[in-house]
PDB file of N, CA and C in Angstrom:
ATOM      1  N   UNK A   1       0.792  -1.210   0.004  1.00  0.00           N
ATOM      2  CA  UNK A   1      -0.215   0.118  -0.179  1.00  0.00           C
ATOM      3  C   UNK A   1       0.846   1.381   0.190  1.00  0.00           C
ATOM      4  N   UNK A   2       0.266   2.517  -0.180  1.00  0.00           N
ATOM      5  CA  UNK A   2       0.995   3.619  -0.218  1.00  0.00           C
ATOM      6  C   UNK A   2       1.316   3.957   0.988  1.00  0.00           C
ATOM      7  N   UNK A   3       0.566   3.893   2.205  1.00  0.00           N
ATOM      8  CA  UNK A   3       1.034   4.147   3.402  1.00  0.00           C
ATOM      9  C   UNK A   3       2.288   3.420   3.763  1.00  0.00           C
ATOM     10  N   UNK A   4       2.321   1.979   3.241  1.00  0.00           N
ATOM     11  CA  UNK A   4       3.438   1.198   3.502  1.00  0.00           C
ATOM     12  C   UNK A   4       4.895   1.795   2.819  1.00  0.00           C
ATOM     13  N   UNK A   5       4.582   1.918   1.633  1.00  0.00           N
ATOM     14  CA  UNK A   5       5.763   2.292   0.840  1.00  0.00           C
ATOM     15  C   UNK A   5       6.365   3.846   1.296  1.00  0.00           C
ATOM     16  N   UNK A   6       5.390   4.895   1.940  1.00  0.00           N
ATOM     17  CA  UNK A   6       5.447   5.879   2.506  1.00  0.00           C
ATOM     18  C   UNK A   6       6.455   5.751   3.751  1.00  0.00           C
ATOM     19  N   UNK A   7       5.883   4.825   4.372  1.00  0.00           N
ATOM     20  CA  UNK A   7       6.683   4.601   5.665  1.00  0.00           C
ATOM     21  C   UNK A   7       8.019   3.880   5.457  1.00  0.00           C
ATOM     22  N   UNK A   8       8.172   3.365   4.503  1.00  0.00           N
ATOM     23  CA  UNK A   8       9.588   2.416   4.035  1.00  0.00           C
ATOM     24  C   UNK A   8      10.316   3.606   3.575  1.00  0.00           C
ATOM     25  N   UNK A   9       9.584   4.423   2.982  1.00  0.00           N
ATOM     26  CA  UNK A   9      10.570   5.608   2.160  1.00  0.00           C
ATOM     27  C   UNK A   9      11.302   6.452   3.426  1.00  0.00           C
ATOM     28  N   UNK A  10      10.262   6.604   4.474  1.00  0.00           N
ATOM     29  CA  UNK A  10      10.711   7.573   5.507  1.00  0.00           C
ATOM     30  C   UNK A  10      11.914   6.805   6.419  1.00  0.00           C
ATOM     31  N   UNK A  11      11.403   5.445   6.480  1.00  0.00           N
ATOM     32  CA  UNK A  11      12.498   4.875   7.196  1.00  0.00           C
ATOM     33  C   UNK A  11      13.646   4.642   6.495  1.00  0.00           C
ATOM     34  N   UNK A  12      13.746   4.441   5.210  1.00  0.00           N
ATOM     35  CA  UNK A  12      15.136   4.487   4.236  1.00  0.00           C
ATOM     36  C   UNK A  12      15.738   5.920   4.448  1.00  0.00           C
ATOM     37  N   UNK A  13      15.032   7.272   4.371  1.00  0.00           N
ATOM     38  CA  UNK A  13      15.382   8.297   4.369  1.00  0.00           C
ATOM     39  C   UNK A  13      15.985   8.535   5.745  1.00  0.00           C
ATOM     40  N   UNK A  14      15.340   8.285   6.763  1.00  0.00           N
ATOM     41  CA  UNK A  14      15.831   8.323   8.366  1.00  0.00           C
ATOM     42  C   UNK A  14      17.237   7.445   8.392  1.00  0.00           C
ATOM     43  N   UNK A  15      17.261   6.661   7.872  1.00  0.00           N
ATOM     44  CA  UNK A  15      18.428   5.369   8.234  1.00  0.00           C
ATOM     45  C   UNK A  15      19.756   5.996   7.351  1.00  0.00           C
ATOM     46  N   UNK A  16      19.526   6.581   6.158  1.00  0.00           N
ATOM     47  CA  UNK A  16      20.348   7.201   5.302  1.00  0.00           C
ATOM     48  C   UNK A  16      20.788   8.587   5.842  1.00  0.00           C
ATOM     49  N   UNK A  17      19.962   9.220   6.577  1.00  0.00           N
ATOM     50  CA  UNK A  17      20.277  10.314   7.215  1.00  0.00           C
ATOM     51  C   UNK A  17      21.271  10.340   8.413  1.00  0.00           C
ATOM     52  N   UNK A  18      20.724   9.001   8.875  1.00  0.00           N
ATOM     53  CA  UNK A  18      21.695   8.514  10.291  1.00  0.00           C
ATOM     54  C   UNK A  18      22.782   7.883   9.934  1.00  0.00           C
ATOM     55  N   UNK A  19      23.131   7.316   8.647  1.00  0.00           N
ATOM     56  CA  UNK A  19      24.209   6.817   8.235  1.00  0.00           C
ATOM     57  C   UNK A  19      25.318   8.060   7.989  1.00  0.00           C
ATOM     58  N   UNK A  20      24.625   9.140   7.093  1.00  0.00           N
ATOM     59  CA  UNK A  20      25.254  10.347   6.514  1.00  0.00           C
ATOM     60  C   UNK A  20      25.874  10.835   7.882  1.00  0.00           C
ATOM     61  N   UNK A  21      25.020  11.017   8.805  1.00  0.00           N
ATOM     62  CA  UNK A  21      25.277  11.813  10.378  1.00  0.00           C
ATOM     63  C   UNK A  21      26.616  10.855  10.519  1.00  0.00           C
ATOM     64  N   UNK A  22      26.431   9.483  10.757  1.00  0.00           N
ATOM     65  CA  UNK A  22      27.322   8.668  11.313  1.00  0.00           C
ATOM     66  C   UNK A  22      28.876   8.651  10.834  1.00  0.00           C
ATOM     67  N   UNK A  23      28.566   8.881   9.321  1.00  0.00           N
ATOM     68  CA  UNK A  23      29.790   8.890   8.554  1.00  0.00           C
ATOM     69  C   UNK A  23      30.432  10.236   8.865  1.00  0.00           C
ATOM     70  N   UNK A  24      29.875  11.360   9.009  1.00  0.00           N
ATOM     71  CA  UNK A  24      30.239  12.761   9.012  1.00  0.00           C
ATOM     72  C   UNK A  24      30.837  12.754  10.398  1.00  0.00           C
ATOM     73  N   UNK A  25      30.301  12.242  11.463  1.00  0.00           N
ATOM     74  CA  UNK A  25      30.819  11.937  12.721  1.00  0.00           C
ATOM     75  C   UNK A  25      32.036  11.296  12.906  1.00  0.00           C
ATOM     76  N   UNK A  26      32.331  10.247  12.151  1.00  0.00           N
ATOM     77  CA  UNK A  26      33.510   9.554  11.940  1.00  0.00           C
ATOM     78  C   UNK A  26      34.587  10.361  11.167  1.00  0.00           C
ATOM     79  N   UNK A  27      34.188  10.989  10.217  1.00  0.00           N
ATOM     80  CA  UNK A  27      35.239  11.795   9.456  1.00  0.00           C
ATOM     81  C   UNK A  27      35.668  12.912  10.680  1.00  0.00           C
ATOM     82  N   UNK A  28      34.669  13.747  11.359  1.00  0.00           N
ATOM     83  CA  UNK A  28      35.251  14.461  12.127  1.00  0.00           C
ATOM     84  C   UNK A  28      35.899  14.076  13.096  1.00  0.00           C
ATOM     85  N   UNK A  29      35.818  12.629  13.531  1.00  0.00           N
ATOM     86  CA  UNK A  29      36.762  12.397  14.765  1.00  0.00           C
ATOM     87  C   UNK A  29      37.969  11.955  14.189  1.00  0.00           C
ATOM     88  N   UNK A  30      38.050  11.209  13.039  1.00  0.00           N
ATOM     89  CA  UNK A  30      39.409  10.985  12.273  1.00  0.00           C
ATOM     90  C   UNK A  30      40.208  12.240  11.951  1.00  0.00           C
ATOM     91  N   UNK A  31      39.237  13.348  11.645  1.00  0.00           N
ATOM     92  CA  UNK A  31      40.314  14.901  11.487  1.00  0.00           C
ATOM     93  C   UNK A  31      40.822  15.089  12.545  1.00  0.00           C
ATOM     94  N   UNK A  32      39.954  14.967  14.028  1.00  0.00           N
ATOM     95  CA  UNK A  32      40.516  15.427  15.151  1.00  0.00           C
ATOM     96  C   UNK A  32      41.595  14.522  15.697  1.00  0.00           C
ATOM     97  N   UNK A  33      41.493  13.339  15.396  1.00  0.00           N
ATOM     98  CA  UNK A  33      42.670  12.325  15.756  1.00  0.00           C
ATOM     99  C   UNK A  33      44.070  12.761  14.712  1.00  0.00           C
ATOM    100  N   UNK A  34      43.512  13.190  13.789  1.00  0.00           N
ATOM    101  CA  UNK A  34      44.865  13.242  12.690  1.00  0.00           C
ATOM    102  C   UNK A  34      45.276  14.691  13.224  1.00  0.00           C
ATOM    103  N   UNK A  35      44.410  15.532  13.802  1.00  0.00           N
ATOM    104  CA  UNK A  35      45.424  16.771  14.102  1.00  0.00           C
ATOM    105  C   UNK A  35      45.743  16.696  15.619  1.00  0.00           C
ATOM    106  N   UNK A  36      45.534  15.457  16.338  1.00  0.00           N
ATOM    107  CA  UNK A  36      46.003  15.417  17.632  1.00  0.00           C
ATOM    108  C   UNK A  36      47.435  14.559  17.486  1.00  0.00           C
ATOM    109  N   UNK A  37      47.302  13.720  16.542  1.00  0.00           N
ATOM    110  CA  UNK A  37      48.652  13.150  16.154  1.00  0.00           C
ATOM    111  C   UNK A  37      49.681  13.932  15.633  1.00  0.00           C
ATOM    112  N   UNK A  38      49.299  15.075  14.758  1.00  0.00           N
ATOM    113  CA  UNK A  38      50.334  16.174  14.223  1.00  0.00           C
ATOM    114  C   UNK A  38      50.759  17.038  15.414  1.00  0.00           C
ATOM    115  N   UNK A  39      50.081  17.146  16.282  1.00  0.00           N
ATOM    116  CA  UNK A  39      50.240  18.137  17.478  1.00  0.00           C
ATOM    117  C   UNK A  39      51.195  17.361  18.406  1.00  0.00           C
ATOM    118  N   UNK A  40      50.977  16.289  18.664  1.00  0.00           N
ATOM    119  CA  UNK A  40      52.018  15.032  19.207  1.00  0.00           C
ATOM    120  C   UNK A  40      53.243  14.667  18.652  1.00  0.00           C
ATOM    121  N   UNK A  41      53.200  14.753  17.117  1.00  0.00           N
ATOM    122  CA  UNK A  41      54.483  14.667  16.366  1.00  0.00           C
ATOM    123  C   UNK A  41      55.345  16.059  16.673  1.00  0.00           C
ATOM    124  N   UNK A  42      54.777  17.013  16.661  1.00  0.00           N
ATOM    125  CA  UNK A  42      55.233  18.356  16.505  1.00  0.00           C
ATOM    126  C   UNK A  42      55.906  18.621  18.008  1.00  0.00           C
ATOM    127  N   UNK A  43      55.301  18.179  18.947  1.00  0.00           N
ATOM    128  CA  UNK A  43      55.872  18.174  20.492  1.00  0.00           C
ATOM    129  C   UNK A  43      57.092  17.388  20.678  1.00  0.00           C
ATOM    130  N   UNK A  44      56.592  16.145  20.252  1.00  0.00           N
ATOM    131  CA  UNK A  44      57.872  15.002  20.232  1.00  0.00           C
ATOM    132  C   UNK A  44      59.153  15.787  19.494  1.00  0.00           C
ATOM    133  N   UNK A  45      59.148  16.280  18.422  1.00  0.00           N
ATOM    134  CA  UNK A  45      60.064  17.040  17.605  1.00  0.00           C
ATOM    135  C   UNK A  45      60.846  17.887  18.403  1.00  0.00           C
ATOM    136  N   UNK A  46      59.906  18.742  18.940  1.00  0.00           N
ATOM    137  CA  UNK A  46      60.392  20.173  19.656  1.00  0.00           C
ATOM    138  C   UNK A  46      60.985  19.476  20.934  1.00  0.00           C
ATOM    139  N   UNK A  47      60.566  18.776  21.729  1.00  0.00           N
ATOM    140  CA  UNK A  47      61.484  17.897  22.754  1.00  0.00           C
ATOM    141  C   UNK A  47      62.669  17.270  22.176  1.00  0.00           C
ATOM    142  N   UNK A  48      62.755  16.503  21.358  1.00  0.00           N
ATOM    143  CA  UNK A  48      64.137  16.084  20.731  1.00  0.00           C
ATOM    144  C   UNK A  48      64.901  17.239  20.419  1.00  0.00           C
ATOM    145  N   UNK A  49      64.557  18.232  19.807  1.00  0.00           N
ATOM    146  CA  UNK A  49      65.266  19.405  19.411  1.00  0.00           C
ATOM    147  C   UNK A  49      65.954  19.986  20.873  1.00  0.00           C
ATOM    148  N   UNK A  50      65.029  20.375  21.837  1.00  0.00           N
ATOM    149  CA  UNK A  50      65.646  20.560  23.308  1.00  0.00           C
ATOM    150  C   UNK A  50      66.638  19.871  23.661  1.00  0.00           C
ATOM    151  N   UNK A  51      66.444  18.464  23.803  1.00  0.00           N
ATOM    152  CA  UNK A  51      67.163  17.607  24.424  1.00  0.00           C
ATOM    153  C   UNK A  51      68.541  17.440  23.788  1.00  0.00           C
ATOM    154  N   UNK A  52      68.357  17.560  22.386  1.00  0.00           N
ATOM    155  CA  UNK A  52      69.833  17.754  21.403  1.00  0.00           C
ATOM    156  C   UNK A  52      70.497  19.248  21.747  1.00  0.00           C
ATOM    157  N   UNK A  53      69.958  20.314  22.061  1.00  0.00           N
ATOM    158  CA  UNK A  53      70.439  21.323  22.397  1.00  0.00           C
ATOM    159  C   UNK A  53      70.843  21.263  23.740  1.00  0.00           C
ATOM    160  N   UNK A  54      70.287  20.832  24.727  1.00  0.00           N
ATOM    161  CA  UNK A  54      70.926  20.647  26.073  1.00  0.00           C
ATOM    162  C   UNK A  54      72.179  19.806  25.970  1.00  0.00           C
ATOM    163  N   UNK A  55      72.178  18.544  25.267  1.00  0.00           N
ATOM    164  CA  UNK A  55      73.108  17.876  25.315  1.00  0.00           C
ATOM    165  C   UNK A  55      74.425  18.273  24.712  1.00  0.00           C
ATOM    166  N   UNK A  56      73.997  18.870  23.688  1.00  0.00           N
ATOM    167  CA  UNK A  56      75.215  20.018  23.179  1.00  0.00           C
ATOM    168  C   UNK A  56      75.823  20.864  23.794  1.00  0.00           C
ATOM    169  N   UNK A  57      74.915  21.373  24.653  1.00  0.00           N
ATOM    170  CA  UNK A  57      75.328  22.475  25.704  1.00  0.00           C
ATOM    171  C   UNK A  57      76.413  21.960  26.635  1.00  0.00           C
ATOM    172  N   UNK A  58      75.633  20.910  27.061  1.00  0.00           N
ATOM    173  CA  UNK A  58      76.286  20.042  28.209  1.00  0.00           C
ATOM    174  C   UNK A  58      77.953  19.430  27.838  1.00  0.00           C
ATOM    175  N   UNK A  59      77.952  18.840  26.442  1.00  0.00           N
ATOM    176  CA  UNK A  59      79.129  18.423  26.038  1.00  0.00           C
ATOM    177  C   UNK A  59      80.108  19.672  25.579  1.00  0.00           C
ATOM    178  N   UNK A  60      79.740  20.508  25.221  1.00  0.00           N
ATOM    179  CA  UNK A  60      80.645  22.014  25.115  1.00  0.00           C
ATOM    180  C   UNK A  60      81.123  22.549  26.440  1.00  0.00           C
ATOM    181  N   UNK A  61      80.169  22.197  27.549  1.00  0.00           N
ATOM    182  CA  UNK A  61      80.567  22.972  28.773  1.00  0.00           C
ATOM    183  C   UNK A  61      81.689  21.696  29.552  1.00  0.00           C
ATOM    184  N   UNK A  62      81.457  20.407  29.043  1.00  0.00           N
ATOM    185  CA  UNK A  62      82.359  19.662  29.890  1.00  0.00           C
ATOM    186  C   UNK A  62      83.474  19.443  28.880  1.00  0.00           C
ATOM    187  N   UNK A  63      83.357  20.053  27.754  1.00  0.00           N
ATOM    188  CA  UNK A  63      84.655  20.001  26.758  1.00  0.00           C
ATOM    189  C   UNK A  63      85.652  21.306  27.289  1.00  0.00           C
ATOM    190  N   UNK A  64      84.963  22.153  27.772  1.00  0.00           N
ATOM    191  CA  UNK A  64      85.516  23.365  28.006  1.00  0.00           C
ATOM    192  C   UNK A  64      86.335  23.060  29.436  1.00  0.00           C
ATOM    193  N   UNK A  65      85.648  22.543  30.245  1.00  0.00           N
ATOM    194  CA  UNK A  65      86.049  22.225  31.715  1.00  0.00           C
ATOM    195  C   UNK A  65      87.246  21.263  31.562  1.00  0.00           C
ATOM    196  N   UNK A  66      87.225  20.219  30.651  1.00  0.00           N
ATOM    197  CA  UNK A  66      88.506  19.583  30.337  1.00  0.00           C
ATOM    198  C   UNK A  66      89.520  20.325  30.057  1.00  0.00           C
ATOM    199  N   UNK A  67      89.417  21.389  28.798  1.00  0.00           N
ATOM    200  CA  UNK A  67      90.372  22.289  28.421  1.00  0.00           C
ATOM    201  C   UNK A  67      90.924  23.090  29.859  1.00  0.00           C
ATOM    202  N   UNK A  68      90.110  23.497  30.669  1.00  0.00           N
ATOM    203  CA  UNK A  68      90.464  24.438  31.766  1.00  0.00           C
ATOM    204  C   UNK A  68      91.338  23.367  32.700  1.00  0.00           C
ATOM    205  N   UNK A  69      90.901  22.112  32.791  1.00  0.00           N
ATOM    206  CA  UNK A  69      91.703  21.364  33.621  1.00  0.00           C
ATOM    207  C   UNK A  69      92.991  20.974  33.007  1.00  0.00           C
ATOM    208  N   UNK A  70      93.131  20.967  31.904  1.00  0.00           N
ATOM    209  CA  UNK A  70      94.091  20.930  31.244  1.00  0.00           C
ATOM    210  C   UNK A  70      95.231  22.050  31.217  1.00  0.00           C
ATOM    211  N   UNK A  71      94.611  23.286  31.176  1.00  0.00           N
ATOM    212  CA  UNK A  71      95.536  24.461  31.072  1.00  0.00           C
ATOM    213  C   UNK A  71      96.129  24.352  32.774  1.00  0.00           C
ATOM    214  N   UNK A  72      95.295  24.100  33.605  1.00  0.00           N
ATOM    215  CA  UNK A  72      95.660  23.975  35.006  1.00  0.00           C
ATOM    216  C   UNK A  72      97.000  23.150  35.219  1.00  0.00           C
ATOM    217  N   UNK A  73      96.545  21.890  34.704  1.00  0.00           N
ATOM    218  CA  UNK A  73      97.568  20.816  34.814  1.00  0.00           C
ATOM    219  C   UNK A  73      99.055  21.491  34.030  1.00  0.00           C
ATOM    220  N   UNK A  74      98.771  22.055  32.889  1.00  0.00           N
ATOM    221  CA  UNK A  74     100.118  22.369  32.257  1.00  0.00           C
ATOM    222  C   UNK A  74     100.829  23.230  33.183  1.00  0.00           C
ATOM    223  N   UNK A  75      99.856  24.447  33.548  1.00  0.00           N
ATOM    224  CA  UNK A  75     100.449  25.501  34.475  1.00  0.00           C
ATOM    225  C   UNK A  75     101.089  24.874  35.836  1.00  0.00           C
ATOM    226  N   UNK A  76     100.373  23.780  36.328  1.00  0.00           N
ATOM    227  CA  UNK A  76     101.064  23.321  37.367  1.00  0.00           C
ATOM    228  C   UNK A  76     102.634  22.817  37.207  1.00  0.00           C
ATOM    229  N   UNK A  77     102.489  21.939  36.015  1.00  0.00           N
ATOM    230  CA  UNK A  77     103.778  21.041  35.401  1.00  0.00           C
ATOM    231  C   UNK A  77     104.708  22.391  35.251  1.00  0.00           C
ATOM    232  N   UNK A  78     104.391  23.188  34.706  1.00  0.00           N
ATOM    233  CA  UNK A  78     105.539  24.415  34.448  1.00  0.00           C
ATOM    234  C   UNK A  78     105.908  25.043  35.961  1.00  0.00           C
ATOM    235  N   UNK A  79     104.939  25.027  36.525  1.00  0.00           N
ATOM    236  CA  UNK A  79     105.338  25.645  37.925  1.00  0.00           C
ATOM    237  C   UNK A  79     106.243  24.693  38.702  1.00  0.00           C
ATOM    238  N   UNK A  80     106.346  23.446  38.755  1.00  0.00           N
ATOM    239  CA  UNK A  80     106.892  22.264  39.224  1.00  0.00           C
ATOM    240  C   UNK A  80     108.219  22.288  38.441  1.00  0.00           C
ATOM    241  N   UNK A  81     108.194  22.347  37.120  1.00  0.00           N
ATOM    242  CA  UNK A  81     109.677  22.388  36.432  1.00  0.00           C
ATOM    243  C   UNK A  81     110.365  23.632  36.845  1.00  0.00           C
ATOM    244  N   UNK A  82     109.437  24.740  37.261  1.00  0.00           N
ATOM    245  CA  UNK A  82     110.490  26.101  37.565  1.00  0.00           C
ATOM    246  C   UNK A  82     110.944  25.705  39.003  1.00  0.00           C
ATOM    247  N   UNK A  83     110.251  25.039  39.789  1.00  0.00           N
ATOM    248  CA  UNK A  83     110.720  24.777  41.187  1.00  0.00           C
ATOM    249  C   UNK A  83     112.055  23.978  41.285  1.00  0.00           C
ATOM    250  N   UNK A  84     111.880  22.878  40.229  1.00  0.00           N
ATOM    251  CA  UNK A  84     112.672  21.706  40.138  1.00  0.00           C
ATOM    252  C   UNK A  84     114.239  22.423  39.685  1.00  0.00           C
ATOM    253  N   UNK A  85     113.767  23.140  38.707  1.00  0.00           N
ATOM    254  CA  UNK A  85     115.005  23.953  37.747  1.00  0.00           C
ATOM    255  C   UNK A  85     115.694  24.897  38.961  1.00  0.00           C
ATOM    256  N   UNK A  86     115.085  25.585  39.762  1.00  0.00           N
ATOM    257  CA  UNK A  86     115.500  26.261  40.664  1.00  0.00           C
ATOM    258  C   UNK A  86     116.453  25.288  41.727  1.00  0.00           C
ATOM    259  N   UNK A  87     116.039  24.433  42.107  1.00  0.00           N
ATOM    260  CA  UNK A  87     116.473  23.493  43.049  1.00  0.00           C
ATOM    261  C   UNK A  87     117.733  22.822  42.251  1.00  0.00           C
ATOM    262  N   UNK A  88     117.928  22.756  41.174  1.00  0.00           N
ATOM    263  CA  UNK A  88     119.164  22.112  40.285  1.00  0.00           C
ATOM    264  C   UNK A  88     120.167  23.117  40.243  1.00  0.00           C
ATOM    265  N   UNK A  89     119.640  24.593  40.032  1.00  0.00           N
ATOM    266  CA  UNK A  89     120.407  25.686  39.772  1.00  0.00           C
ATOM    267  C   UNK A  89     121.163  25.901  41.158  1.00  0.00           C
ATOM    268  N   UNK A  90     120.235  25.811  42.510  1.00  0.00           N
ATOM    269  CA  UNK A  90     120.886  26.187  43.621  1.00  0.00           C
ATOM    270  C   UNK A  90     121.895  24.980  43.939  1.00  0.00           C
ATOM    271  N   UNK A  91     121.605  23.524  43.600  1.00  0.00           N
ATOM    272  CA  UNK A  91     122.830  22.687  43.835  1.00  0.00           C
ATOM    273  C   UNK A  91     123.945  22.665  42.966  1.00  0.00           C
ATOM    274  N   UNK A  92     123.668  23.119  41.860  1.00  0.00           N
ATOM    275  CA  UNK A  92     125.011  23.364  41.072  1.00  0.00           C
ATOM    276  C   UNK A  92     125.890  24.450  41.496  1.00  0.00           C
ATOM    277  N   UNK A  93     125.232  25.638  42.060  1.00  0.00           N
ATOM    278  CA  UNK A  93     125.740  26.740  42.413  1.00  0.00           C
ATOM    279  C   UNK A  93     126.551  26.400  44.033  1.00  0.00           C
ATOM    280  N   UNK A  94     125.814  25.351  44.638  1.00  0.00           N
ATOM    281  CA  UNK A  94     126.549  24.923  46.109  1.00  0.00           C
ATOM    282  C   UNK A  94     127.776  23.862  45.725  1.00  0.00           C
ATOM    283  N   UNK A  95     127.357  23.398  44.658  1.00  0.00           N
ATOM    284  CA  UNK A  95     128.886  22.135  44.628  1.00  0.00           C
ATOM    285  C   UNK A  95     129.884  22.944  44.001  1.00  0.00           C
ATOM    286  N   UNK A  96     129.748  23.958  43.039  1.00  0.00           N
ATOM    287  CA  UNK A  96     130.313  24.892  42.443  1.00  0.00           C
ATOM    288  C   UNK A  96     131.385  25.863  43.453  1.00  0.00           C
ATOM    289  N   UNK A  97     130.647  26.190  44.578  1.00  0.00           N
ATOM    290  CA  UNK A  97     131.068  27.002  45.556  1.00  0.00           C
ATOM    291  C   UNK A  97     132.145  26.070  46.107  1.00  0.00           C
ATOM    292  N   UNK A  98     131.397  24.874  46.637  1.00  0.00           N
ATOM    293  CA  UNK A  98     132.307  23.933  47.282  1.00  0.00           C
ATOM    294  C   UNK A  98     133.658  23.297  46.704  1.00  0.00           C
ATOM    295  N   UNK A  99     133.512  23.255  45.345  1.00  0.00           N
ATOM    296  CA  UNK A  99     134.656  23.138  44.564  1.00  0.00           C
ATOM    297  C   UNK A  99     135.601  23.827  44.560  1.00  0.00           C
ATOM    298  N   UNK A 100     135.326  25.156  44.350  1.00  0.00           N
ATOM    299  CA  UNK A 100     136.136  26.455  44.442  1.00  0.00           C
ATOM    300  C   UNK A 100     136.853  26.501  45.638  1.00  0.00           C
ATOM    301  N   UNK A 101     136.226  25.975  46.829  1.00  0.00           N
ATOM    302  CA  UNK A 101     136.938  26.269  48.187  1.00  0.00           C
ATOM    303  C   UNK A 101     137.839  25.110  48.208  1.00  0.00           C
TER     304      UNK A 101
END
């Protein structure tokens, strides 16, 4: 009957409308998930860059500290060598003076 056909058509329209709405909802959700995924990728990349920068800075500081320590060690060795040389010079002077007497 016409009433049954109309009812079936109305039901089909309702189902179709629901499916379209459901599809749109899924598309909206996928779009949101894609945006969130991109945001998380950017955040991870920023964190990686920050970590690389911190590690590079730390390595540079440690390298500078090692260079400073080496300079201090070199200065210490030079100072010790000077003291040893003074001791040798004093010993020579003492021996020369003793030999001359």
